[in-house]
């Protein structure tokens, strides 16, 4: 995180953070870091590739808790 904090405008720093989080098993953190990299440079190939290799995002926890569901009746 130190590199991304020191260079918040650089896609490469965010992509590197995404890789570190991915290797640590933090898929959600990796996904967010890759998204930050792509927000800074939409053509950043490595961030795009690594993001595409992550498992699909799971269901929204808010939906699992019943928020947003229509009430029957």
Protein backbone atom coordinates (compact mmCIF):
# COMPACT_ATOMS: atom_id res chain seq x y z
CA UNK A 1 0.00 0.00 0.00
CA UNK A 2 2.94 2.33 0.64
CA UNK A 3 3.79 2.49 -3.07
CA UNK A 4 0.21 3.23 -4.10
CA UNK A 5 -0.02 5.86 -1.34
CA UNK A 6 3.24 7.44 -2.48
CA UNK A 7 2.16 7.44 -6.14
CA UNK A 8 -1.64 7.60 -6.09
CA UNK A 9 -1.86 8.80 -9.69
CA UNK A 10 0.19 5.96 -11.16
CA UNK A 11 -1.63 2.95 -12.58
CA UNK A 12 1.43 0.73 -12.18
CA UNK A 13 1.54 1.27 -8.41
CA UNK A 14 -2.14 0.29 -8.11
CA UNK A 15 -1.63 -2.72 -10.35
CA UNK A 16 1.29 -3.86 -8.19
CA UNK A 17 -0.87 -3.47 -5.09
CA UNK A 18 -3.56 -5.55 -6.78
CA UNK A 19 -1.03 -8.30 -7.48
CA UNK A 20 0.21 -8.27 -3.88
CA UNK A 21 -3.34 -8.51 -2.57
CA UNK A 22 -4.18 -11.25 -5.07
CA UNK A 23 -1.16 -13.28 -3.93
CA UNK A 24 -2.23 -12.78 -0.29
CA UNK A 25 -5.69 -14.18 -1.09
CA UNK A 26 -7.48 -10.83 -0.76
CA UNK A 27 -9.56 -11.08 -3.94
CA UNK A 28 -11.78 -8.12 -3.07
CA UNK A 29 -8.79 -5.92 -2.30
CA UNK A 30 -7.11 -7.02 -5.51
CA UNK A 31 -10.24 -6.23 -7.50
CA UNK A 32 -10.42 -2.73 -5.98
CA UNK A 33 -6.73 -2.04 -6.62
CA UNK A 34 -6.97 -3.18 -10.25
CA UNK A 35 -10.04 -0.97 -10.69
CA UNK A 36 -8.02 1.97 -9.35
CA UNK A 37 -5.23 1.18 -11.81
CA UNK A 38 -7.69 1.07 -14.71
CA UNK A 39 -9.36 4.30 -13.58
CA UNK A 40 -5.97 5.99 -13.94
CA UNK A 41 -5.02 4.23 -17.18
CA UNK A 42 -7.82 2.32 -18.93
CA UNK A 43 -5.26 0.77 -21.29
CA UNK A 44 -3.08 -0.70 -18.51
CA UNK A 45 -2.80 -4.20 -19.92
CA UNK A 46 -1.43 -6.01 -16.87
CA UNK A 47 -4.16 -4.66 -14.56
CA UNK A 48 -6.82 -5.62 -17.09
CA UNK A 49 -5.39 -9.14 -17.52
CA UNK A 50 -4.99 -9.75 -13.79
CA UNK A 51 -8.50 -8.46 -13.09
CA UNK A 52 -9.91 -10.80 -15.73
CA UNK A 53 -8.19 -13.77 -14.06
CA UNK A 54 -9.81 -13.17 -10.67
CA UNK A 55 -12.79 -15.34 -9.75
CA UNK A 56 -16.14 -13.68 -10.44
CA UNK A 57 -17.40 -11.29 -7.80
CA UNK A 58 -19.86 -12.95 -5.47
CA UNK A 59 -23.36 -11.73 -4.70
CA UNK A 60 -23.79 -8.40 -3.00
CA UNK A 61 -23.91 -8.93 0.79
CA UNK A 62 -26.72 -6.38 1.00
CA UNK A 63 -28.83 -8.64 -1.19
CA UNK A 64 -28.01 -11.66 0.96
CA UNK A 65 -29.16 -9.77 4.05
CA UNK A 66 -32.52 -9.12 2.45
CA UNK A 67 -31.94 -5.47 1.67
CA UNK A 68 -33.27 -4.48 -1.68
CA UNK A 69 -35.65 -7.42 -1.93
CA UNK A 70 -39.26 -6.74 -2.62
CA UNK A 71 -41.45 -7.60 0.27
CA UNK A 72 -44.11 -10.19 -0.49
CA UNK A 73 -47.62 -9.23 0.24
